[in-house]
Structures are given as structure tokens and as C-alpha cells.
Amino acid sequence: MADEIHDSTAAGTAKENVPTMSNPMDNIHGNVEDISNKASGYKAAISNPNTKPSTKENAKEMLEKLGGEDAFMKNNGKGE
């Protein structure tokens, strides 16, 4: 019988990384906090005077895809 080959690359371990309810990496790009953080980054790029105009346009488009001003988390009066 041939020796088993263990592939430790991301592709080789994909079966081990099946999403579960307890896996903190699940839904990493879709939760409210992550979306709000992305929106903050795009808004910062738009307001930065050192950002190229083409980059600002891209940031505006990406911010709109996230939902515009609705992409930001609301603190509901709790904290700052």
C-alpha cells in the first residue's frame, strides 16, 4: 500500500475547515461589525486628501455596495 500524503496547505485542509456554529471564522465577511469596519475604511479613503481621485471613486462605489450610510453599525445610545 502507498504511503499517505498529508497536504497541510489551505486547499488540503479545506475539509477540516467546514463551517460550524462554533467556528469563529464563520461568516467572517458578512457580520454587521465587519461590514461597518469596511464602510469606515472606505469613508476614510474618500475623505483623505492624499487619496487619488480614481481610488476615491472606487471607495464611493464600494461604500454604496455595502449600503451607504446604512452600512455603519448603530450604537443605539450605548457607549460612544
Protein backbone atom coordinates (compact mmCIF):
# COMPACT_ATOMS: atom_id res chain seq x y z
CA MET A 1 0.00 0.00 0.00
CA ALA A 2 1.24 3.51 -0.83
CA ASP A 3 2.19 5.92 1.91
CA GLU A 4 -0.39 8.56 2.74
CA ILE A 5 0.48 12.10 1.74
CA HIS A 6 -0.57 14.81 4.17
CA ASP A 7 -1.32 18.12 2.45
CA SER A 8 -1.14 20.94 5.01
CA THR A 9 -1.96 23.72 2.56
CA ALA A 10 -5.21 25.65 2.83
CA ALA A 11 -6.68 23.60 -0.02
CA GLY A 12 -5.59 20.38 1.62
CA THR A 13 -7.19 21.26 4.94
CA ALA A 14 -10.41 22.67 3.48
CA LYS A 15 -12.35 19.60 4.60
CA GLU A 16 -11.24 20.30 8.16
CA ASN A 17 -12.48 23.89 7.92
CA VAL A 18 -16.11 23.13 7.24
CA PRO A 19 -18.21 25.92 8.80
CA THR A 20 -19.81 25.07 12.12
CA MET A 21 -21.79 27.13 14.58
CA SER A 22 -18.82 27.28 16.95
CA ASN A 23 -16.17 28.22 14.39
CA PRO A 24 -15.22 31.90 14.93
CA MET A 25 -14.13 32.17 11.28
CA ASP A 26 -17.68 31.50 10.05
CA ASN A 27 -19.32 34.41 8.28
CA ILE A 28 -16.16 36.47 8.73
CA HIS A 29 -17.01 38.79 5.86
CA GLY A 30 -20.70 39.26 6.49
CA ASN A 31 -21.38 40.20 10.08
CA VAL A 32 -22.55 43.69 10.98
CA GLU A 33 -19.30 44.72 12.66
CA ASP A 34 -17.15 43.65 9.71
CA ILE A 35 -19.38 45.47 7.23
CA SER A 36 -19.28 48.59 9.40
CA ASN A 37 -15.48 48.40 9.61
CA LYS A 38 -15.20 48.10 5.84
CA ALA A 39 -17.55 51.07 5.41
CA SER A 40 -15.39 53.11 7.81
CA GLY A 41 -12.30 52.33 5.74
CA TYR A 42 -13.99 53.40 2.52
CA LYS A 43 -15.27 56.59 4.15
CA ALA A 44 -11.75 57.35 5.41
CA ALA A 45 -10.34 56.87 1.90
CA ILE A 46 -12.97 59.22 0.47
CA SER A 47 -12.16 61.99 2.97
CA ASN A 48 -8.36 61.59 2.82
CA PRO A 49 -6.85 64.45 0.77
CA ASN A 50 -3.90 62.20 -0.19
CA THR A 51 -6.12 59.59 -1.86
CA LYS A 52 -6.10 59.55 -5.68
CA PRO A 53 -9.38 60.59 -7.33
CA SER A 54 -9.76 57.19 -9.00
CA THR A 55 -9.35 55.47 -5.64
CA LYS A 56 -11.92 57.80 -4.08
CA GLU A 57 -14.39 56.91 -6.83
CA ASN A 58 -13.81 53.21 -6.21
CA ALA A 59 -14.28 53.72 -2.46
CA LYS A 60 -17.57 55.56 -3.10
CA GLU A 61 -18.81 52.68 -5.27
CA MET A 62 -17.80 50.08 -2.69
CA LEU A 63 -19.44 52.05 0.11
CA GLU A 64 -22.68 52.19 -1.89
CA LYS A 65 -22.50 48.42 -2.48
CA LEU A 66 -22.27 47.94 1.28
CA GLY A 67 -25.38 50.06 1.79
CA GLY A 68 -24.07 53.60 2.04
CA GLU A 69 -24.71 55.25 5.40
CA ASP A 70 -26.84 52.25 6.43
CA ALA A 71 -23.69 50.08 6.42
CA PHE A 72 -22.50 51.63 9.68
CA MET A 73 -23.29 49.96 13.00
CA LYS A 74 -25.63 51.88 15.21
CA ASN A 75 -24.72 52.07 18.88
CA ASN A 76 -28.36 52.60 19.92
CA GLY A 77 -27.33 55.16 22.52
CA LYS A 78 -24.98 52.73 24.27
CA GLY A 79 -21.45 53.98 24.76
CA GLU A 80 -19.59 56.27 22.42
